[in-house]
N, C-alpha and C. Protein backbone atom coordinates (compact mmCIF):
# COMPACT_ATOMS: atom_id res chain seq x y z
N MET A 1 120.71 40.69 180.95
CA MET A 1 119.51 41.36 181.39
C MET A 1 118.35 40.37 181.42
N ILE A 2 117.54 40.47 182.45
CA ILE A 2 116.35 39.64 182.55
C ILE A 2 115.15 40.51 182.23
N ALA A 3 114.36 40.08 181.27
CA ALA A 3 113.19 40.86 180.86
C ALA A 3 112.09 40.74 181.91
N ASN A 4 111.35 41.82 182.09
CA ASN A 4 110.19 41.78 182.97
C ASN A 4 109.10 40.94 182.34
N LYS A 5 108.34 40.28 183.18
CA LYS A 5 107.26 39.43 182.72
C LYS A 5 106.14 40.29 182.12
N ARG A 6 105.58 39.81 181.01
CA ARG A 6 104.50 40.52 180.35
C ARG A 6 103.22 40.39 181.17
N PRO A 7 102.56 41.52 181.50
CA PRO A 7 101.30 41.45 182.23
C PRO A 7 100.22 40.75 181.38
N LEU A 8 99.37 39.99 182.03
CA LEU A 8 98.30 39.28 181.34
C LEU A 8 97.41 40.24 180.56
N SER A 9 97.12 41.40 181.12
CA SER A 9 96.27 42.38 180.44
C SER A 9 96.89 42.84 179.13
N VAL A 10 98.20 42.99 179.10
CA VAL A 10 98.89 43.38 177.86
C VAL A 10 98.84 42.24 176.85
N THR A 11 99.01 41.02 177.32
CA THR A 11 98.92 39.86 176.42
C THR A 11 97.55 39.78 175.77
N ILE A 12 96.52 39.90 176.58
CA ILE A 12 95.15 39.83 176.06
C ILE A 12 94.90 40.96 175.08
N LEU A 13 95.29 42.17 175.45
CA LEU A 13 95.08 43.32 174.57
C LEU A 13 95.83 43.16 173.25
N ALA A 14 97.05 42.68 173.30
CA ALA A 14 97.83 42.48 172.08
C ALA A 14 97.14 41.48 171.16
N TRP A 15 96.64 40.38 171.72
CA TRP A 15 95.94 39.38 170.89
C TRP A 15 94.61 39.92 170.36
N VAL A 16 93.96 40.80 171.12
CA VAL A 16 92.72 41.44 170.61
C VAL A 16 93.07 42.32 169.42
N TYR A 17 94.16 43.07 169.50
CA TYR A 17 94.59 43.90 168.37
C TYR A 17 94.90 43.03 167.15
N ILE A 18 95.59 41.94 167.36
CA ILE A 18 95.93 41.05 166.25
C ILE A 18 94.66 40.47 165.63
N ALA A 19 93.75 40.01 166.47
CA ALA A 19 92.50 39.42 165.97
C ALA A 19 91.63 40.44 165.25
N MET A 20 91.45 41.60 165.85
CA MET A 20 90.61 42.63 165.23
C MET A 20 91.23 43.13 163.92
N GLY A 21 92.53 43.29 163.91
CA GLY A 21 93.20 43.72 162.69
C GLY A 21 93.06 42.69 161.58
N THR A 22 93.22 41.43 161.94
CA THR A 22 93.13 40.35 160.94
C THR A 22 91.71 40.22 160.41
N VAL A 23 90.73 40.17 161.30
CA VAL A 23 89.33 40.05 160.88
C VAL A 23 88.93 41.26 160.04
N GLY A 24 89.29 42.43 160.49
CA GLY A 24 88.96 43.65 159.74
C GLY A 24 89.63 43.69 158.38
N PHE A 25 90.88 43.25 158.33
CA PHE A 25 91.59 43.25 157.06
C PHE A 25 90.92 42.31 156.07
N VAL A 26 90.61 41.10 156.51
CA VAL A 26 89.98 40.11 155.63
C VAL A 26 88.60 40.60 155.19
N TYR A 27 87.82 41.11 156.13
CA TYR A 27 86.47 41.59 155.82
C TYR A 27 86.53 42.71 154.78
N HIS A 28 87.34 43.72 155.02
CA HIS A 28 87.40 44.85 154.12
C HIS A 28 88.08 44.50 152.80
N PHE A 29 89.02 43.56 152.83
CA PHE A 29 89.68 43.15 151.59
C PHE A 29 88.68 42.44 150.68
N ARG A 30 87.88 41.56 151.26
CA ARG A 30 86.84 40.88 150.47
C ARG A 30 85.84 41.88 149.92
N GLU A 31 85.48 42.85 150.74
CA GLU A 31 84.57 43.91 150.31
C GLU A 31 85.21 44.72 149.18
N PHE A 32 86.48 45.02 149.34
CA PHE A 32 87.23 45.78 148.33
C PHE A 32 87.26 45.02 147.00
N LEU A 33 87.53 43.72 147.05
CA LEU A 33 87.57 42.91 145.83
C LEU A 33 86.19 42.77 145.19
N ALA A 34 85.17 42.63 146.01
CA ALA A 34 83.82 42.45 145.49
C ALA A 34 83.32 43.68 144.74
N ARG A 35 83.72 44.84 145.18
CA ARG A 35 83.30 46.08 144.54
C ARG A 35 84.24 46.51 143.44
N ASN A 36 85.38 45.87 143.36
CA ASN A 36 86.43 46.34 142.46
C ASN A 36 86.72 47.81 142.71
N ALA A 37 86.65 48.16 143.96
CA ALA A 37 86.85 49.56 144.35
C ALA A 37 88.31 49.93 144.18
N SER A 38 88.52 51.16 143.90
CA SER A 38 89.88 51.68 143.89
C SER A 38 89.85 53.03 144.56
N GLY A 39 90.94 53.42 145.03
CA GLY A 39 91.00 54.72 145.69
C GLY A 39 91.76 54.63 146.98
N TYR A 40 92.07 55.78 147.47
CA TYR A 40 92.88 55.87 148.67
C TYR A 40 92.12 55.43 149.91
N ASP A 41 90.79 55.60 149.93
CA ASP A 41 90.04 55.23 151.13
C ASP A 41 90.11 53.73 151.41
N ALA A 42 90.00 52.91 150.38
CA ALA A 42 90.08 51.46 150.56
C ALA A 42 91.48 51.05 151.02
N VAL A 43 92.48 51.67 150.47
CA VAL A 43 93.87 51.37 150.87
C VAL A 43 94.10 51.83 152.30
N LEU A 44 93.58 52.98 152.65
CA LEU A 44 93.75 53.51 154.00
C LEU A 44 93.10 52.59 155.03
N ILE A 45 91.93 52.06 154.73
CA ILE A 45 91.27 51.14 155.65
C ILE A 45 92.14 49.91 155.88
N GLU A 46 92.72 49.38 154.83
CA GLU A 46 93.58 48.20 154.96
C GLU A 46 94.84 48.52 155.74
N VAL A 47 95.40 49.69 155.53
CA VAL A 47 96.60 50.10 156.27
C VAL A 47 96.29 50.23 157.76
N VAL A 48 95.14 50.79 158.09
CA VAL A 48 94.73 50.92 159.48
C VAL A 48 94.61 49.55 160.13
N ARG A 49 94.07 48.58 159.41
CA ARG A 49 93.94 47.21 159.93
C ARG A 49 95.31 46.56 160.11
N LEU A 50 96.21 46.79 159.17
CA LEU A 50 97.57 46.25 159.30
C LEU A 50 98.30 46.87 160.49
N LEU A 51 98.02 48.14 160.75
CA LEU A 51 98.63 48.79 161.91
C LEU A 51 98.18 48.14 163.22
N ALA A 52 96.92 47.70 163.26
CA ALA A 52 96.42 47.02 164.46
C ALA A 52 97.19 45.72 164.68
N ILE A 53 97.41 44.97 163.60
CA ILE A 53 98.18 43.73 163.70
C ILE A 53 99.60 44.03 164.16
N LEU A 54 100.20 45.04 163.58
CA LEU A 54 101.55 45.47 163.94
C LEU A 54 101.62 45.83 165.43
N CYS A 55 100.64 46.57 165.91
CA CYS A 55 100.59 46.92 167.34
C CYS A 55 100.61 45.68 168.20
N GLY A 56 99.72 44.75 167.89
CA GLY A 56 99.61 43.54 168.69
C GLY A 56 100.88 42.73 168.72
N VAL A 57 101.45 42.51 167.55
CA VAL A 57 102.67 41.69 167.45
C VAL A 57 103.81 42.32 168.25
N PHE A 58 104.00 43.61 168.10
CA PHE A 58 105.13 44.25 168.76
C PHE A 58 104.86 44.57 170.23
N MET A 59 103.59 44.63 170.64
CA MET A 59 103.32 44.71 172.08
C MET A 59 103.70 43.38 172.74
N LEU A 60 103.44 42.27 172.05
CA LEU A 60 103.85 40.97 172.58
C LEU A 60 105.37 40.88 172.72
N ARG A 61 106.07 41.62 171.88
CA ARG A 61 107.54 41.61 171.92
C ARG A 61 108.11 42.67 172.87
N GLY A 62 107.23 43.44 173.51
CA GLY A 62 107.66 44.41 174.51
C GLY A 62 108.20 45.72 173.96
N GLN A 63 107.85 46.06 172.73
CA GLN A 63 108.33 47.30 172.13
C GLN A 63 107.52 48.50 172.63
N ASN A 64 108.18 49.46 173.22
CA ASN A 64 107.51 50.61 173.80
C ASN A 64 106.70 51.39 172.76
N TRP A 65 107.24 51.57 171.56
CA TRP A 65 106.53 52.33 170.54
C TRP A 65 105.20 51.67 170.16
N ALA A 66 105.08 50.36 170.35
CA ALA A 66 103.86 49.65 169.97
C ALA A 66 102.70 50.03 170.88
N ARG A 67 102.98 50.27 172.15
CA ARG A 67 101.87 50.69 173.03
C ARG A 67 101.40 52.08 172.68
N TRP A 68 102.34 52.94 172.28
CA TRP A 68 101.95 54.29 171.85
C TRP A 68 101.15 54.23 170.55
N LEU A 69 101.56 53.38 169.64
CA LEU A 69 100.82 53.21 168.39
C LEU A 69 99.43 52.64 168.66
N ALA A 70 99.32 51.73 169.61
CA ALA A 70 98.02 51.15 169.96
C ALA A 70 97.06 52.23 170.48
N VAL A 71 97.57 53.12 171.31
CA VAL A 71 96.73 54.22 171.82
C VAL A 71 96.39 55.19 170.69
N ALA A 72 97.35 55.48 169.84
CA ALA A 72 97.07 56.37 168.70
C ALA A 72 96.05 55.75 167.76
N TRP A 73 96.13 54.43 167.57
CA TRP A 73 95.20 53.71 166.69
C TRP A 73 93.77 53.85 167.20
N ILE A 74 93.56 53.62 168.50
CA ILE A 74 92.20 53.73 169.03
C ILE A 74 91.78 55.21 169.12
N ALA A 75 92.71 56.12 169.36
CA ALA A 75 92.37 57.55 169.38
C ALA A 75 91.90 58.00 167.99
N PHE A 76 92.52 57.46 166.95
CA PHE A 76 92.08 57.73 165.58
C PHE A 76 90.63 57.30 165.41
N HIS A 77 90.28 56.14 165.95
CA HIS A 77 88.91 55.65 165.85
C HIS A 77 87.94 56.53 166.65
N VAL A 78 88.40 57.07 167.76
CA VAL A 78 87.56 57.99 168.53
C VAL A 78 87.25 59.22 167.69
N ILE A 79 88.26 59.76 167.03
CA ILE A 79 88.06 60.95 166.19
C ILE A 79 87.12 60.65 165.04
N VAL A 80 87.33 59.52 164.36
CA VAL A 80 86.46 59.15 163.24
C VAL A 80 85.03 58.93 163.72
N SER A 81 84.86 58.27 164.86
CA SER A 81 83.51 57.98 165.35
C SER A 81 82.79 59.23 165.84
N ALA A 82 83.52 60.30 166.09
CA ALA A 82 82.88 61.56 166.48
C ALA A 82 81.98 62.09 165.37
N PHE A 83 82.23 61.66 164.15
CA PHE A 83 81.41 62.09 163.02
C PHE A 83 80.25 61.13 162.76
N HIS A 84 80.13 60.11 163.60
CA HIS A 84 79.04 59.14 163.48
C HIS A 84 78.08 59.34 164.64
N SER A 85 77.53 58.27 165.17
CA SER A 85 76.55 58.39 166.25
C SER A 85 77.24 58.67 167.59
N VAL A 86 76.46 59.20 168.51
CA VAL A 86 76.95 59.48 169.86
C VAL A 86 77.33 58.16 170.54
N ASN A 87 76.53 57.12 170.33
CA ASN A 87 76.83 55.82 170.94
C ASN A 87 78.16 55.27 170.45
N GLU A 88 78.41 55.35 169.16
CA GLU A 88 79.68 54.85 168.60
C GLU A 88 80.85 55.64 169.18
N PHE A 89 80.69 56.94 169.26
CA PHE A 89 81.72 57.79 169.84
C PHE A 89 82.00 57.41 171.30
N ALA A 90 80.93 57.20 172.07
CA ALA A 90 81.07 56.87 173.49
C ALA A 90 81.79 55.52 173.68
N VAL A 91 81.43 54.55 172.86
CA VAL A 91 82.06 53.23 172.97
C VAL A 91 83.55 53.31 172.64
N HIS A 92 83.89 54.01 171.56
CA HIS A 92 85.29 54.15 171.19
C HIS A 92 86.07 54.93 172.26
N LEU A 93 85.44 55.93 172.83
CA LEU A 93 86.09 56.71 173.89
C LEU A 93 86.34 55.84 175.12
N LEU A 94 85.38 54.99 175.45
CA LEU A 94 85.54 54.08 176.57
C LEU A 94 86.67 53.09 176.31
N PHE A 95 86.72 52.52 175.10
CA PHE A 95 87.80 51.61 174.73
C PHE A 95 89.15 52.32 174.79
N CYS A 96 89.20 53.55 174.33
CA CYS A 96 90.45 54.31 174.35
C CYS A 96 90.95 54.49 175.79
N ALA A 97 90.05 54.85 176.68
CA ALA A 97 90.43 55.02 178.09
C ALA A 97 90.91 53.71 178.69
N MET A 98 90.21 52.62 178.38
CA MET A 98 90.57 51.32 178.92
C MET A 98 91.94 50.87 178.39
N ILE A 99 92.18 51.05 177.10
CA ILE A 99 93.45 50.65 176.50
C ILE A 99 94.60 51.48 177.07
N ALA A 100 94.38 52.79 177.19
CA ALA A 100 95.42 53.65 177.76
C ALA A 100 95.73 53.23 179.20
N TRP A 101 94.70 52.89 179.96
CA TRP A 101 94.91 52.45 181.33
C TRP A 101 95.74 51.16 181.36
N ILE A 102 95.42 50.21 180.47
CA ILE A 102 96.15 48.94 180.43
C ILE A 102 97.62 49.14 180.09
N VAL A 103 97.91 49.90 179.05
CA VAL A 103 99.29 49.99 178.58
C VAL A 103 100.16 50.98 179.34
N PHE A 104 99.55 51.83 180.18
CA PHE A 104 100.35 52.80 180.93
C PHE A 104 100.36 52.53 182.44
N ARG A 105 99.85 51.38 182.85
CA ARG A 105 99.96 50.99 184.26
C ARG A 105 101.43 50.73 184.58
N PRO A 106 101.81 50.82 185.85
CA PRO A 106 103.22 50.61 186.22
C PRO A 106 103.80 49.26 185.78
N ASP A 107 103.02 48.18 185.90
CA ASP A 107 103.56 46.87 185.49
C ASP A 107 103.78 46.83 183.98
N ALA A 108 102.92 47.48 183.22
CA ALA A 108 103.10 47.55 181.77
C ALA A 108 104.31 48.42 181.44
N GLY A 109 104.49 49.49 182.18
CA GLY A 109 105.64 50.36 181.97
C GLY A 109 106.96 49.62 182.16
N ARG A 110 106.99 48.78 183.19
CA ARG A 110 108.20 47.98 183.41
C ARG A 110 108.42 47.01 182.26
N TYR A 111 107.33 46.40 181.79
CA TYR A 111 107.44 45.45 180.67
C TYR A 111 107.90 46.13 179.39
N PHE A 112 107.36 47.30 179.12
CA PHE A 112 107.69 48.01 177.88
C PHE A 112 108.99 48.81 177.97
N GLY A 113 109.95 48.30 178.66
CA GLY A 113 111.26 48.92 178.63
C GLY A 113 111.58 49.78 179.81
N GLY A 114 110.82 49.62 180.87
CA GLY A 114 111.15 50.34 182.09
C GLY A 114 112.40 49.74 182.70
N ALA A 115 112.50 49.81 183.98
CA ALA A 115 113.68 49.29 184.68
C ALA A 115 113.82 47.79 184.47
N ARG A 116 114.98 47.39 184.03
CA ARG A 116 115.30 45.97 183.85
C ARG A 116 116.26 45.58 184.96
N THR A 117 116.09 44.37 185.46
CA THR A 117 116.99 43.92 186.50
C THR A 117 118.01 42.95 185.93
N GLU A 118 119.23 43.03 186.45
CA GLU A 118 120.29 42.14 185.99
C GLU A 118 120.41 40.96 186.94
N ALA A 119 120.78 39.83 186.39
CA ALA A 119 120.99 38.64 187.23
C ALA A 119 122.29 38.81 188.01
N ALA A 120 122.28 38.32 189.22
CA ALA A 120 123.47 38.45 190.07
C ALA A 120 124.54 37.48 189.67
């Protein structure tokens, strides 16, 4: 089987997820250590950041579930931001729409396990 070529938009998005997850994890981990905080909220924040890294890595590998997790990850942020400012909510909603558009386009669908072509 010959794998479909990864669309550039998916590559960029995957690396953005990896970068944002890594930066967020380091930032919040340092904050967590500085406060000596304990509790489920601090752990949950770190898990959410690790999920972003996981999304990015496995989107680069063409795993279909990773694109769904990426959309769920940003949808979670849309829901959380609904309890904050209208501007924050609008920005997250815009990012969610953009990410969904990128990962569900036909070329992305082929990359994430759609029709594979065999060599003759």
